[in-house]
PDBML (XML) file of the C-alpha atoms, coordinates in Angstrom:
<?xml version="1.0" encoding="UTF-8" ?>
<PDBx:datablock datablockName="MODEL"
   xmlns:PDBx="http://pdbml.pdb.org/schema/pdbx-v50.xsd"
   xmlns:xsi="http://www.w3.org/2001/XMLSchema-instance"
   xsi:schemaLocation="http://pdbml.pdb.org/schema/pdbx-v50.xsd pdbx-v50.xsd">
   <PDBx:atom_siteCategory>
      <PDBx:atom_site id="1">
         <PDBx:B_iso_or_equiv>0.00</PDBx:B_iso_or_equiv>
         <PDBx:Cartn_x>-14.671</PDBx:Cartn_x>
         <PDBx:Cartn_y>-2.512</PDBx:Cartn_y>
         <PDBx:Cartn_z>1.501</PDBx:Cartn_z>
         <PDBx:auth_asym_id>A</PDBx:auth_asym_id>
         <PDBx:auth_atom_id>CA</PDBx:auth_atom_id>
         <PDBx:auth_comp_id>TYR</PDBx:auth_comp_id>
         <PDBx:auth_seq_id>1</PDBx:auth_seq_id>
         <PDBx:group_PDB>ATOM</PDBx:group_PDB>
         <PDBx:label_alt_id xsi:nil="true" />
         <PDBx:label_asym_id>A</PDBx:label_asym_id>
         <PDBx:label_atom_id>CA</PDBx:label_atom_id>
         <PDBx:label_comp_id>TYR</PDBx:label_comp_id>
         <PDBx:label_entity_id>1</PDBx:label_entity_id>
         <PDBx:label_seq_id>1</PDBx:label_seq_id>
         <PDBx:occupancy>1.00</PDBx:occupancy>
         <PDBx:pdbx_PDB_model_num>1</PDBx:pdbx_PDB_model_num>
         <PDBx:type_symbol>C</PDBx:type_symbol>
      </PDBx:atom_site>
      <PDBx:atom_site id="2">
         <PDBx:B_iso_or_equiv>0.00</PDBx:B_iso_or_equiv>
         <PDBx:Cartn_x>-12.387</PDBx:Cartn_x>
         <PDBx:Cartn_y>-2.814</PDBx:Cartn_y>
         <PDBx:Cartn_z>-1.516</PDBx:Cartn_z>
         <PDBx:auth_asym_id>A</PDBx:auth_asym_id>
         <PDBx:auth_atom_id>CA</PDBx:auth_atom_id>
         <PDBx:auth_comp_id>ALA</PDBx:auth_comp_id>
         <PDBx:auth_seq_id>2</PDBx:auth_seq_id>
         <PDBx:group_PDB>ATOM</PDBx:group_PDB>
         <PDBx:label_alt_id xsi:nil="true" />
         <PDBx:label_asym_id>A</PDBx:label_asym_id>
         <PDBx:label_atom_id>CA</PDBx:label_atom_id>
         <PDBx:label_comp_id>ALA</PDBx:label_comp_id>
         <PDBx:label_entity_id>1</PDBx:label_entity_id>
         <PDBx:label_seq_id>2</PDBx:label_seq_id>
         <PDBx:occupancy>1.00</PDBx:occupancy>
         <PDBx:pdbx_PDB_model_num>1</PDBx:pdbx_PDB_model_num>
         <PDBx:type_symbol>C</PDBx:type_symbol>
      </PDBx:atom_site>
      <PDBx:atom_site id="3">
         <PDBx:B_iso_or_equiv>0.00</PDBx:B_iso_or_equiv>
         <PDBx:Cartn_x>-15.396</PDBx:Cartn_x>
         <PDBx:Cartn_y>-3.564</PDBx:Cartn_y>
         <PDBx:Cartn_z>-3.733</PDBx:Cartn_z>
         <PDBx:auth_asym_id>A</PDBx:auth_asym_id>
         <PDBx:auth_atom_id>CA</PDBx:auth_atom_id>
         <PDBx:auth_comp_id>ALA</PDBx:auth_comp_id>
         <PDBx:auth_seq_id>3</PDBx:auth_seq_id>
         <PDBx:group_PDB>ATOM</PDBx:group_PDB>
         <PDBx:label_alt_id xsi:nil="true" />
         <PDBx:label_asym_id>A</PDBx:label_asym_id>
         <PDBx:label_atom_id>CA</PDBx:label_atom_id>
         <PDBx:label_comp_id>ALA</PDBx:label_comp_id>
         <PDBx:label_entity_id>1</PDBx:label_entity_id>
         <PDBx:label_seq_id>3</PDBx:label_seq_id>
         <PDBx:occupancy>1.00</PDBx:occupancy>
         <PDBx:pdbx_PDB_model_num>1</PDBx:pdbx_PDB_model_num>
         <PDBx:type_symbol>C</PDBx:type_symbol>
      </PDBx:atom_site>
      <PDBx:atom_site id="4">
         <PDBx:B_iso_or_equiv>0.00</PDBx:B_iso_or_equiv>
         <PDBx:Cartn_x>-17.452</PDBx:Cartn_x>
         <PDBx:Cartn_y>-0.780</PDBx:Cartn_y>
         <PDBx:Cartn_z>-2.174</PDBx:Cartn_z>
         <PDBx:auth_asym_id>A</PDBx:auth_asym_id>
         <PDBx:auth_atom_id>CA</PDBx:auth_atom_id>
         <PDBx:auth_comp_id>ARG</PDBx:auth_comp_id>
         <PDBx:auth_seq_id>4</PDBx:auth_seq_id>
         <PDBx:group_PDB>ATOM</PDBx:group_PDB>
         <PDBx:label_alt_id xsi:nil="true" />
         <PDBx:label_asym_id>A</PDBx:label_asym_id>
         <PDBx:label_atom_id>CA</PDBx:label_atom_id>
         <PDBx:label_comp_id>ARG</PDBx:label_comp_id>
         <PDBx:label_entity_id>1</PDBx:label_entity_id>
         <PDBx:label_seq_id>4</PDBx:label_seq_id>
         <PDBx:occupancy>1.00</PDBx:occupancy>
         <PDBx:pdbx_PDB_model_num>1</PDBx:pdbx_PDB_model_num>
         <PDBx:type_symbol>C</PDBx:type_symbol>
      </PDBx:atom_site>
      <PDBx:atom_site id="5">
         <PDBx:B_iso_or_equiv>0.00</PDBx:B_iso_or_equiv>
         <PDBx:Cartn_x>-14.775</PDBx:Cartn_x>
         <PDBx:Cartn_y>1.833</PDBx:Cartn_y>
         <PDBx:Cartn_z>-2.870</PDBx:Cartn_z>
         <PDBx:auth_asym_id>A</PDBx:auth_asym_id>
         <PDBx:auth_atom_id>CA</PDBx:auth_atom_id>
         <PDBx:auth_comp_id>HIS</PDBx:auth_comp_id>
         <PDBx:auth_seq_id>5</PDBx:auth_seq_id>
         <PDBx:group_PDB>ATOM</PDBx:group_PDB>
         <PDBx:label_alt_id xsi:nil="true" />
         <PDBx:label_asym_id>A</PDBx:label_asym_id>
         <PDBx:label_atom_id>CA</PDBx:label_atom_id>
         <PDBx:label_comp_id>HIS</PDBx:label_comp_id>
         <PDBx:label_entity_id>1</PDBx:label_entity_id>
         <PDBx:label_seq_id>5</PDBx:label_seq_id>
         <PDBx:occupancy>1.00</PDBx:occupancy>
         <PDBx:pdbx_PDB_model_num>1</PDBx:pdbx_PDB_model_num>
         <PDBx:type_symbol>C</PDBx:type_symbol>
      </PDBx:atom_site>
      <PDBx:atom_site id="6">
         <PDBx:B_iso_or_equiv>0.00</PDBx:B_iso_or_equiv>
         <PDBx:Cartn_x>-13.390</PDBx:Cartn_x>
         <PDBx:Cartn_y>0.401</PDBx:Cartn_y>
         <PDBx:Cartn_z>-6.146</PDBx:Cartn_z>
         <PDBx:auth_asym_id>A</PDBx:auth_asym_id>
         <PDBx:auth_atom_id>CA</PDBx:auth_atom_id>
         <PDBx:auth_comp_id>GLN</PDBx:auth_comp_id>
         <PDBx:auth_seq_id>6</PDBx:auth_seq_id>
         <PDBx:group_PDB>ATOM</PDBx:group_PDB>
         <PDBx:label_alt_id xsi:nil="true" />
         <PDBx:label_asym_id>A</PDBx:label_asym_id>
         <PDBx:label_atom_id>CA</PDBx:label_atom_id>
         <PDBx:label_comp_id>GLN</PDBx:label_comp_id>
         <PDBx:label_entity_id>1</PDBx:label_entity_id>
         <PDBx:label_seq_id>6</PDBx:label_seq_id>
         <PDBx:occupancy>1.00</PDBx:occupancy>
         <PDBx:pdbx_PDB_model_num>1</PDBx:pdbx_PDB_model_num>
         <PDBx:type_symbol>C</PDBx:type_symbol>
      </PDBx:atom_site>
      <PDBx:atom_site id="7">
         <PDBx:B_iso_or_equiv>0.00</PDBx:B_iso_or_equiv>
         <PDBx:Cartn_x>-10.015</PDBx:Cartn_x>
         <PDBx:Cartn_y>-0.199</PDBx:Cartn_y>
         <PDBx:Cartn_z>-4.493</PDBx:Cartn_z>
         <PDBx:auth_asym_id>A</PDBx:auth_asym_id>
         <PDBx:auth_atom_id>CA</PDBx:auth_atom_id>
         <PDBx:auth_comp_id>GLN</PDBx:auth_comp_id>
         <PDBx:auth_seq_id>7</PDBx:auth_seq_id>
         <PDBx:group_PDB>ATOM</PDBx:group_PDB>
         <PDBx:label_alt_id xsi:nil="true" />
         <PDBx:label_asym_id>A</PDBx:label_asym_id>
         <PDBx:label_atom_id>CA</PDBx:label_atom_id>
         <PDBx:label_comp_id>GLN</PDBx:label_comp_id>
         <PDBx:label_entity_id>1</PDBx:label_entity_id>
         <PDBx:label_seq_id>7</PDBx:label_seq_id>
         <PDBx:occupancy>1.00</PDBx:occupancy>
         <PDBx:pdbx_PDB_model_num>1</PDBx:pdbx_PDB_model_num>
         <PDBx:type_symbol>C</PDBx:type_symbol>
      </PDBx:atom_site>
      <PDBx:atom_site id="8">
         <PDBx:B_iso_or_equiv>0.00</PDBx:B_iso_or_equiv>
         <PDBx:Cartn_x>-7.430</PDBx:Cartn_x>
         <PDBx:Cartn_y>-2.591</PDBx:Cartn_y>
         <PDBx:Cartn_z>-5.892</PDBx:Cartn_z>
         <PDBx:auth_asym_id>A</PDBx:auth_asym_id>
         <PDBx:auth_atom_id>CA</PDBx:auth_atom_id>
         <PDBx:auth_comp_id>HIS</PDBx:auth_comp_id>
         <PDBx:auth_seq_id>8</PDBx:auth_seq_id>
         <PDBx:group_PDB>ATOM</PDBx:group_PDB>
         <PDBx:label_alt_id xsi:nil="true" />
         <PDBx:label_asym_id>A</PDBx:label_asym_id>
         <PDBx:label_atom_id>CA</PDBx:label_atom_id>
         <PDBx:label_comp_id>HIS</PDBx:label_comp_id>
         <PDBx:label_entity_id>1</PDBx:label_entity_id>
         <PDBx:label_seq_id>8</PDBx:label_seq_id>
         <PDBx:occupancy>1.00</PDBx:occupancy>
         <PDBx:pdbx_PDB_model_num>1</PDBx:pdbx_PDB_model_num>
         <PDBx:type_symbol>C</PDBx:type_symbol>
      </PDBx:atom_site>
      <PDBx:atom_site id="9">
         <PDBx:B_iso_or_equiv>0.00</PDBx:B_iso_or_equiv>
         <PDBx:Cartn_x>-6.852</PDBx:Cartn_x>
         <PDBx:Cartn_y>-5.260</PDBx:Cartn_y>
         <PDBx:Cartn_z>-3.260</PDBx:Cartn_z>
         <PDBx:auth_asym_id>A</PDBx:auth_asym_id>
         <PDBx:auth_atom_id>CA</PDBx:auth_atom_id>
         <PDBx:auth_comp_id>LEU</PDBx:auth_comp_id>
         <PDBx:auth_seq_id>9</PDBx:auth_seq_id>
         <PDBx:group_PDB>ATOM</PDBx:group_PDB>
         <PDBx:label_alt_id xsi:nil="true" />
         <PDBx:label_asym_id>A</PDBx:label_asym_id>
         <PDBx:label_atom_id>CA</PDBx:label_atom_id>
         <PDBx:label_comp_id>LEU</PDBx:label_comp_id>
         <PDBx:label_entity_id>1</PDBx:label_entity_id>
         <PDBx:label_seq_id>9</PDBx:label_seq_id>
         <PDBx:occupancy>1.00</PDBx:occupancy>
         <PDBx:pdbx_PDB_model_num>1</PDBx:pdbx_PDB_model_num>
         <PDBx:type_symbol>C</PDBx:type_symbol>
      </PDBx:atom_site>
      <PDBx:atom_site id="10">
         <PDBx:B_iso_or_equiv>0.00</PDBx:B_iso_or_equiv>
         <PDBx:Cartn_x>-3.716</PDBx:Cartn_x>
         <PDBx:Cartn_y>-7.391</PDBx:Cartn_y>
         <PDBx:Cartn_z>-3.129</PDBx:Cartn_z>
         <PDBx:auth_asym_id>A</PDBx:auth_asym_id>
         <PDBx:auth_atom_id>CA</PDBx:auth_atom_id>
         <PDBx:auth_comp_id>ASP</PDBx:auth_comp_id>
         <PDBx:auth_seq_id>10</PDBx:auth_seq_id>
         <PDBx:group_PDB>ATOM</PDBx:group_PDB>
         <PDBx:label_alt_id xsi:nil="true" />
         <PDBx:label_asym_id>A</PDBx:label_asym_id>
         <PDBx:label_atom_id>CA</PDBx:label_atom_id>
         <PDBx:label_comp_id>ASP</PDBx:label_comp_id>
         <PDBx:label_entity_id>1</PDBx:label_entity_id>
         <PDBx:label_seq_id>10</PDBx:label_seq_id>
         <PDBx:occupancy>1.00</PDBx:occupancy>
         <PDBx:pdbx_PDB_model_num>1</PDBx:pdbx_PDB_model_num>
         <PDBx:type_symbol>C</PDBx:type_symbol>
      </PDBx:atom_site>
      <PDBx:atom_site id="11">
         <PDBx:B_iso_or_equiv>0.00</PDBx:B_iso_or_equiv>
         <PDBx:Cartn_x>-4.757</PDBx:Cartn_x>
         <PDBx:Cartn_y>-10.398</PDBx:Cartn_y>
         <PDBx:Cartn_z>-1.016</PDBx:Cartn_z>
         <PDBx:auth_asym_id>A</PDBx:auth_asym_id>
         <PDBx:auth_atom_id>CA</PDBx:auth_atom_id>
         <PDBx:auth_comp_id>ALA</PDBx:auth_comp_id>
         <PDBx:auth_seq_id>11</PDBx:auth_seq_id>
         <PDBx:group_PDB>ATOM</PDBx:group_PDB>
         <PDBx:label_alt_id xsi:nil="true" />
         <PDBx:label_asym_id>A</PDBx:label_asym_id>
         <PDBx:label_atom_id>CA</PDBx:label_atom_id>
         <PDBx:label_comp_id>ALA</PDBx:label_comp_id>
         <PDBx:label_entity_id>1</PDBx:label_entity_id>
         <PDBx:label_seq_id>11</PDBx:label_seq_id>
         <PDBx:occupancy>1.00</PDBx:occupancy>
         <PDBx:pdbx_PDB_model_num>1</PDBx:pdbx_PDB_model_num>
         <PDBx:type_symbol>C</PDBx:type_symbol>
      </PDBx:atom_site>
      <PDBx:atom_site id="12">
         <PDBx:B_iso_or_equiv>0.00</PDBx:B_iso_or_equiv>
         <PDBx:Cartn_x>-1.176</PDBx:Cartn_x>
         <PDBx:Cartn_y>-11.675</PDBx:Cartn_y>
         <PDBx:Cartn_z>-0.860</PDBx:Cartn_z>
         <PDBx:auth_asym_id>A</PDBx:auth_asym_id>
         <PDBx:auth_atom_id>CA</PDBx:auth_atom_id>
         <PDBx:auth_comp_id>ASN</PDBx:auth_comp_id>
         <PDBx:auth_seq_id>12</PDBx:auth_seq_id>
         <PDBx:group_PDB>ATOM</PDBx:group_PDB>
         <PDBx:label_alt_id xsi:nil="true" />
         <PDBx:label_asym_id>A</PDBx:label_asym_id>
         <PDBx:label_atom_id>CA</PDBx:label_atom_id>
         <PDBx:label_comp_id>ASN</PDBx:label_comp_id>
         <PDBx:label_entity_id>1</PDBx:label_entity_id>
         <PDBx:label_seq_id>12</PDBx:label_seq_id>
         <PDBx:occupancy>1.00</PDBx:occupancy>
         <PDBx:pdbx_PDB_model_num>1</PDBx:pdbx_PDB_model_num>
         <PDBx:type_symbol>C</PDBx:type_symbol>
      </PDBx:atom_site>
      <PDBx:atom_site id="13">
         <PDBx:B_iso_or_equiv>0.00</PDBx:B_iso_or_equiv>
         <PDBx:Cartn_x>0.059</PDBx:Cartn_x>
         <PDBx:Cartn_y>-8.335</PDBx:Cartn_y>
         <PDBx:Cartn_z>0.491</PDBx:Cartn_z>
         <PDBx:auth_asym_id>A</PDBx:auth_asym_id>
         <PDBx:auth_atom_id>CA</PDBx:auth_atom_id>
         <PDBx:auth_comp_id>ALA</PDBx:auth_comp_id>
         <PDBx:auth_seq_id>13</PDBx:auth_seq_id>
         <PDBx:group_PDB>ATOM</PDBx:group_PDB>
         <PDBx:label_alt_id xsi:nil="true" />
         <PDBx:label_asym_id>A</PDBx:label_asym_id>
         <PDBx:label_atom_id>CA</PDBx:label_atom_id>
         <PDBx:label_comp_id>ALA</PDBx:label_comp_id>
         <PDBx:label_entity_id>1</PDBx:label_entity_id>
         <PDBx:label_seq_id>13</PDBx:label_seq_id>
         <PDBx:occupancy>1.00</PDBx:occupancy>
         <PDBx:pdbx_PDB_model_num>1</PDBx:pdbx_PDB_model_num>
         <PDBx:type_symbol>C</PDBx:type_symbol>
      </PDBx:atom_site>
      <PDBx:atom_site id="14">
         <PDBx:B_iso_or_equiv>0.00</PDBx:B_iso_or_equiv>
         <PDBx:Cartn_x>-2.674</PDBx:Cartn_x>
         <PDBx:Cartn_y>-8.448</PDBx:Cartn_y>
         <PDBx:Cartn_z>3.139</PDBx:Cartn_z>
         <PDBx:auth_asym_id>A</PDBx:auth_asym_id>
         <PDBx:auth_atom_id>CA</PDBx:auth_atom_id>
         <PDBx:auth_comp_id>ASP</PDBx:auth_comp_id>
         <PDBx:auth_seq_id>14</PDBx:auth_seq_id>
         <PDBx:group_PDB>ATOM</PDBx:group_PDB>
         <PDBx:label_alt_id xsi:nil="true" />
         <PDBx:label_asym_id>A</PDBx:label_asym_id>
         <PDBx:label_atom_id>CA</PDBx:label_atom_id>
         <PDBx:label_comp_id>ASP</PDBx:label_comp_id>
         <PDBx:label_entity_id>1</PDBx:label_entity_id>
         <PDBx:label_seq_id>14</PDBx:label_seq_id>
         <PDBx:occupancy>1.00</PDBx:occupancy>
         <PDBx:pdbx_PDB_model_num>1</PDBx:pdbx_PDB_model_num>
         <PDBx:type_symbol>C</PDBx:type_symbol>
      </PDBx:atom_site>
      <PDBx:atom_site id="15">
         <PDBx:B_iso_or_equiv>0.00</PDBx:B_iso_or_equiv>
         <PDBx:Cartn_x>-1.450</PDBx:Cartn_x>
         <PDBx:Cartn_y>-11.898</PDBx:Cartn_y>
         <PDBx:Cartn_z>4.213</PDBx:Cartn_z>
         <PDBx:auth_asym_id>A</PDBx:auth_asym_id>
         <PDBx:auth_atom_id>CA</PDBx:auth_atom_id>
         <PDBx:auth_comp_id>LEU</PDBx:auth_comp_id>
         <PDBx:auth_seq_id>15</PDBx:auth_seq_id>
         <PDBx:group_PDB>ATOM</PDBx:group_PDB>
         <PDBx:label_alt_id xsi:nil="true" />
         <PDBx:label_asym_id>A</PDBx:label_asym_id>
         <PDBx:label_atom_id>CA</PDBx:label_atom_id>
         <PDBx:label_comp_id>LEU</PDBx:label_comp_id>
         <PDBx:label_entity_id>1</PDBx:label_entity_id>
         <PDBx:label_seq_id>15</PDBx:label_seq_id>
         <PDBx:occupancy>1.00</PDBx:occupancy>
         <PDBx:pdbx_PDB_model_num>1</PDBx:pdbx_PDB_model_num>
         <PDBx:type_symbol>C</PDBx:type_symbol>
      </PDBx:atom_site>
      <PDBx:atom_site id="16">
         <PDBx:B_iso_or_equiv>0.00</PDBx:B_iso_or_equiv>
         <PDBx:Cartn_x>2.038</PDBx:Cartn_x>
         <PDBx:Cartn_y>-10.420</PDBx:Cartn_y>
         <PDBx:Cartn_z>4.614</PDBx:Cartn_z>
         <PDBx:auth_asym_id>A</PDBx:auth_asym_id>
         <PDBx:auth_atom_id>CA</PDBx:auth_atom_id>
         <PDBx:auth_comp_id>VAL</PDBx:auth_comp_id>
         <PDBx:auth_seq_id>16</PDBx:auth_seq_id>
         <PDBx:group_PDB>ATOM</PDBx:group_PDB>
         <PDBx:label_alt_id xsi:nil="true" />
         <PDBx:label_asym_id>A</PDBx:label_asym_id>
         <PDBx:label_atom_id>CA</PDBx:label_atom_id>
         <PDBx:label_comp_id>VAL</PDBx:label_comp_id>
         <PDBx:label_entity_id>1</PDBx:label_entity_id>
         <PDBx:label_seq_id>16</PDBx:label_seq_id>
         <PDBx:occupancy>1.00</PDBx:occupancy>
         <PDBx:pdbx_PDB_model_num>1</PDBx:pdbx_PDB_model_num>
         <PDBx:type_symbol>C</PDBx:type_symbol>
      </PDBx:atom_site>
      <PDBx:atom_site id="17">
         <PDBx:B_iso_or_equiv>0.00</PDBx:B_iso_or_equiv>
         <PDBx:Cartn_x>0.568</PDBx:Cartn_x>
         <PDBx:Cartn_y>-7.515</PDBx:Cartn_y>
         <PDBx:Cartn_z>6.581</PDBx:Cartn_z>
         <PDBx:auth_asym_id>A</PDBx:auth_asym_id>
         <PDBx:auth_atom_id>CA</PDBx:auth_atom_id>
         <PDBx:auth_comp_id>GLY</PDBx:auth_comp_id>
         <PDBx:auth_seq_id>17</PDBx:auth_seq_id>
         <PDBx:group_PDB>ATOM</PDBx:group_PDB>
         <PDBx:label_alt_id xsi:nil="true" />
         <PDBx:label_asym_id>A</PDBx:label_asym_id>
         <PDBx:label_atom_id>CA</PDBx:label_atom_id>
         <PDBx:label_comp_id>GLY</PDBx:label_comp_id>
         <PDBx:label_entity_id>1</PDBx:label_entity_id>
         <PDBx:label_seq_id>17</PDBx:label_seq_id>
         <PDBx:occupancy>1.00</PDBx:occupancy>
         <PDBx:pdbx_PDB_model_num>1</PDBx:pdbx_PDB_model_num>
         <PDBx:type_symbol>C</PDBx:type_symbol>
      </PDBx:atom_site>
      <PDBx:atom_site id="18">
         <PDBx:B_iso_or_equiv>0.00</PDBx:B_iso_or_equiv>
         <PDBx:Cartn_x>-1.380</PDBx:Cartn_x>
         <PDBx:Cartn_y>-9.843</PDBx:Cartn_y>
         <PDBx:Cartn_z>8.886</PDBx:Cartn_z>
         <PDBx:auth_asym_id>A</PDBx:auth_asym_id>
         <PDBx:auth_atom_id>CA</PDBx:auth_atom_id>
         <PDBx:auth_comp_id>LEU</PDBx:auth_comp_id>
         <PDBx:auth_seq_id>18</PDBx:auth_seq_id>
         <PDBx:group_PDB>ATOM</PDBx:group_PDB>
         <PDBx:label_alt_id xsi:nil="true" />
         <PDBx:label_asym_id>A</PDBx:label_asym_id>
         <PDBx:label_atom_id>CA</PDBx:label_atom_id>
         <PDBx:label_comp_id>LEU</PDBx:label_comp_id>
         <PDBx:label_entity_id>1</PDBx:label_entity_id>
         <PDBx:label_seq_id>18</PDBx:label_seq_id>
         <PDBx:occupancy>1.00</PDBx:occupancy>
         <PDBx:pdbx_PDB_model_num>1</PDBx:pdbx_PDB_model_num>
         <PDBx:type_symbol>C</PDBx:type_symbol>
      </PDBx:atom_site>
      <PDBx:atom_site id="19">
         <PDBx:B_iso_or_equiv>0.00</PDBx:B_iso_or_equiv>
         <PDBx:Cartn_x>1.742</PDBx:Cartn_x>
         <PDBx:Cartn_y>-11.968</PDBx:Cartn_y>
         <PDBx:Cartn_z>9.308</PDBx:Cartn_z>
         <PDBx:auth_asym_id>A</PDBx:auth_asym_id>
         <PDBx:auth_atom_id>CA</PDBx:auth_atom_id>
         <PDBx:auth_comp_id>CYS</PDBx:auth_comp_id>
         <PDBx:auth_seq_id>19</PDBx:auth_seq_id>
         <PDBx:group_PDB>ATOM</PDBx:group_PDB>
         <PDBx:label_alt_id xsi:nil="true" />
         <PDBx:label_asym_id>A</PDBx:label_asym_id>
         <PDBx:label_atom_id>CA</PDBx:label_atom_id>
         <PDBx:label_comp_id>CYS</PDBx:label_comp_id>
         <PDBx:label_entity_id>1</PDBx:label_entity_id>
         <PDBx:label_seq_id>19</PDBx:label_seq_id>
         <PDBx:occupancy>1.00</PDBx:occupancy>
         <PDBx:pdbx_PDB_model_num>1</PDBx:pdbx_PDB_model_num>
         <PDBx:type_symbol>C</PDBx:type_symbol>
      </PDBx:atom_site>
      <PDBx:atom_site id="20">
         <PDBx:B_iso_or_equiv>0.00</PDBx:B_iso_or_equiv>
         <PDBx:Cartn_x>3.803</PDBx:Cartn_x>
         <PDBx:Cartn_y>-8.902</PDBx:Cartn_y>
         <PDBx:Cartn_z>10.276</PDBx:Cartn_z>
         <PDBx:auth_asym_id>A</PDBx:auth_asym_id>
         <PDBx:auth_atom_id>CA</PDBx:auth_atom_id>
         <PDBx:auth_comp_id>ALA</PDBx:auth_comp_id>
         <PDBx:auth_seq_id>20</PDBx:auth_seq_id>
         <PDBx:group_PDB>ATOM</PDBx:group_PDB>
         <PDBx:label_alt_id xsi:nil="true" />
         <PDBx:label_asym_id>A</PDBx:label_asym_id>
         <PDBx:label_atom_id>CA</PDBx:label_atom_id>
         <PDBx:label_comp_id>ALA</PDBx:label_comp_id>
         <PDBx:label_entity_id>1</PDBx:label_entity_id>
         <PDBx:label_seq_id>20</PDBx:label_seq_id>
         <PDBx:occupancy>1.00</PDBx:occupancy>
         <PDBx:pdbx_PDB_model_num>1</PDBx:pdbx_PDB_model_num>
         <PDBx:type_symbol>C</PDBx:type_symbol>
      </PDBx:atom_site>
      <PDBx:atom_site id="21">
         <PDBx:B_iso_or_equiv>0.00</PDBx:B_iso_or_equiv>
         <PDBx:Cartn_x>1.068</PDBx:Cartn_x>
         <PDBx:Cartn_y>-7.669</PDBx:Cartn_y>
         <PDBx:Cartn_z>12.654</PDBx:Cartn_z>
         <PDBx:auth_asym_id>A</PDBx:auth_asym_id>
         <PDBx:auth_atom_id>CA</PDBx:auth_atom_id>
         <PDBx:auth_comp_id>ALA</PDBx:auth_comp_id>
         <PDBx:auth_seq_id>21</PDBx:auth_seq_id>
         <PDBx:group_PDB>ATOM</PDBx:group_PDB>
         <PDBx:label_alt_id xsi:nil="true" />
         <PDBx:label_asym_id>A</PDBx:label_asym_id>
         <PDBx:label_atom_id>CA</PDBx:label_atom_id>
         <PDBx:label_comp_id>ALA</PDBx:label_comp_id>
         <PDBx:label_entity_id>1</PDBx:label_entity_id>
         <PDBx:label_seq_id>21</PDBx:label_seq_id>
         <PDBx:occupancy>1.00</PDBx:occupancy>
         <PDBx:pdbx_PDB_model_num>1</PDBx:pdbx_PDB_model_num>
         <PDBx:type_symbol>C</PDBx:type_symbol>
      </PDBx:atom_site>
      <PDBx:atom_site id="22">
         <PDBx:B_iso_or_equiv>0.00</PDBx:B_iso_or_equiv>
         <PDBx:Cartn_x>0.979</PDBx:Cartn_x>
         <PDBx:Cartn_y>-10.976</PDBx:Cartn_y>
         <PDBx:Cartn_z>14.527</PDBx:Cartn_z>
         <PDBx:auth_asym_id>A</PDBx:auth_asym_id>
         <PDBx:auth_atom_id>CA</PDBx:auth_atom_id>
         <PDBx:auth_comp_id>ASN</PDBx:auth_comp_id>
         <PDBx:auth_seq_id>22</PDBx:auth_seq_id>
         <PDBx:group_PDB>ATOM</PDBx:group_PDB>
         <PDBx:label_alt_id xsi:nil="true" />
         <PDBx:label_asym_id>A</PDBx:label_asym_id>
         <PDBx:label_atom_id>CA</PDBx:label_atom_id>
         <PDBx:label_comp_id>ASN</PDBx:label_comp_id>
         <PDBx:label_entity_id>1</PDBx:label_entity_id>
         <PDBx:label_seq_id>22</PDBx:label_seq_id>
         <PDBx:occupancy>1.00</PDBx:occupancy>
         <PDBx:pdbx_PDB_model_num>1</PDBx:pdbx_PDB_model_num>
         <PDBx:type_symbol>C</PDBx:type_symbol>
      </PDBx:atom_site>
      <PDBx:atom_site id="23">
         <PDBx:B_iso_or_equiv>0.00</PDBx:B_iso_or_equiv>
         <PDBx:Cartn_x>4.773</PDBx:Cartn_x>
         <PDBx:Cartn_y>-11.203</PDBx:Cartn_y>
         <PDBx:Cartn_z>14.580</PDBx:Cartn_z>
         <PDBx:auth_asym_id>A</PDBx:auth_asym_id>
         <PDBx:auth_atom_id>CA</PDBx:auth_atom_id>
         <PDBx:auth_comp_id>ALA</PDBx:auth_comp_id>
         <PDBx:auth_seq_id>23</PDBx:auth_seq_id>
         <PDBx:group_PDB>ATOM</PDBx:group_PDB>
         <PDBx:label_alt_id xsi:nil="true" />
         <PDBx:label_asym_id>A</PDBx:label_asym_id>
         <PDBx:label_atom_id>CA</PDBx:label_atom_id>
         <PDBx:label_comp_id>ALA</PDBx:label_comp_id>
         <PDBx:label_entity_id>1</PDBx:label_entity_id>
         <PDBx:label_seq_id>23</PDBx:label_seq_id>
         <PDBx:occupancy>1.00</PDBx:occupancy>
         <PDBx:pdbx_PDB_model_num>1</PDBx:pdbx_PDB_model_num>
         <PDBx:type_symbol>C</PDBx:type_symbol>
      </PDBx:atom_site>
      <PDBx:atom_site id="24">
         <PDBx:B_iso_or_equiv>0.00</PDBx:B_iso_or_equiv>
         <PDBx:Cartn_x>4.876</PDBx:Cartn_x>
         <PDBx:Cartn_y>-7.755</PDBx:Cartn_y>
         <PDBx:Cartn_z>16.224</PDBx:Cartn_z>
         <PDBx:auth_asym_id>A</PDBx:auth_asym_id>
         <PDBx:auth_atom_id>CA</PDBx:auth_atom_id>
         <PDBx:auth_comp_id>MET</PDBx:auth_comp_id>
         <PDBx:auth_seq_id>24</PDBx:auth_seq_id>
         <PDBx:group_PDB>ATOM</PDBx:group_PDB>
         <PDBx:label_alt_id xsi:nil="true" />
         <PDBx:label_asym_id>A</PDBx:label_asym_id>
         <PDBx:label_atom_id>CA</PDBx:label_atom_id>
         <PDBx:label_comp_id>MET</PDBx:label_comp_id>
         <PDBx:label_entity_id>1</PDBx:label_entity_id>
         <PDBx:label_seq_id>24</PDBx:label_seq_id>
         <PDBx:occupancy>1.00</PDBx:occupancy>
         <PDBx:pdbx_PDB_model_num>1</PDBx:pdbx_PDB_model_num>
         <PDBx:type_symbol>C</PDBx:type_symbol>
      </PDBx:atom_site>
      <PDBx:atom_site id="25">
         <PDBx:B_iso_or_equiv>0.00</PDBx:B_iso_or_equiv>
         <PDBx:Cartn_x>2.160</PDBx:Cartn_x>
         <PDBx:Cartn_y>-8.874</PDBx:Cartn_y>
         <PDBx:Cartn_z>18.654</PDBx:Cartn_z>
         <PDBx:auth_asym_id>A</PDBx:auth_asym_id>
         <PDBx:auth_atom_id>CA</PDBx:auth_atom_id>
         <PDBx:auth_comp_id>ALA</PDBx:auth_comp_id>
         <PDBx:auth_seq_id>25</PDBx:auth_seq_id>
         <PDBx:group_PDB>ATOM</PDBx:group_PDB>
         <PDBx:label_alt_id xsi:nil="true" />
         <PDBx:label_asym_id>A</PDBx:label_asym_id>
         <PDBx:label_atom_id>CA</PDBx:label_atom_id>
         <PDBx:label_comp_id>ALA</PDBx:label_comp_id>
         <PDBx:label_entity_id>1</PDBx:label_entity_id>
         <PDBx:label_seq_id>25</PDBx:label_seq_id>
         <PDBx:occupancy>1.00</PDBx:occupancy>
         <PDBx:pdbx_PDB_model_num>1</PDBx:pdbx_PDB_model_num>
         <PDBx:type_symbol>C</PDBx:type_symbol>
      </PDBx:atom_site>
   </PDBx:atom_siteCategory>
</PDBx:datablock>
C-alpha cells in the first residue's frame, strides 16, 4: 500500500508500532 500510494514507509517505526500494539494487547 505504501508503493501504491507513493507513501514513505518507515519499516522500523512499524516494528515499534506492532510492538506497542501487542504490548497493549
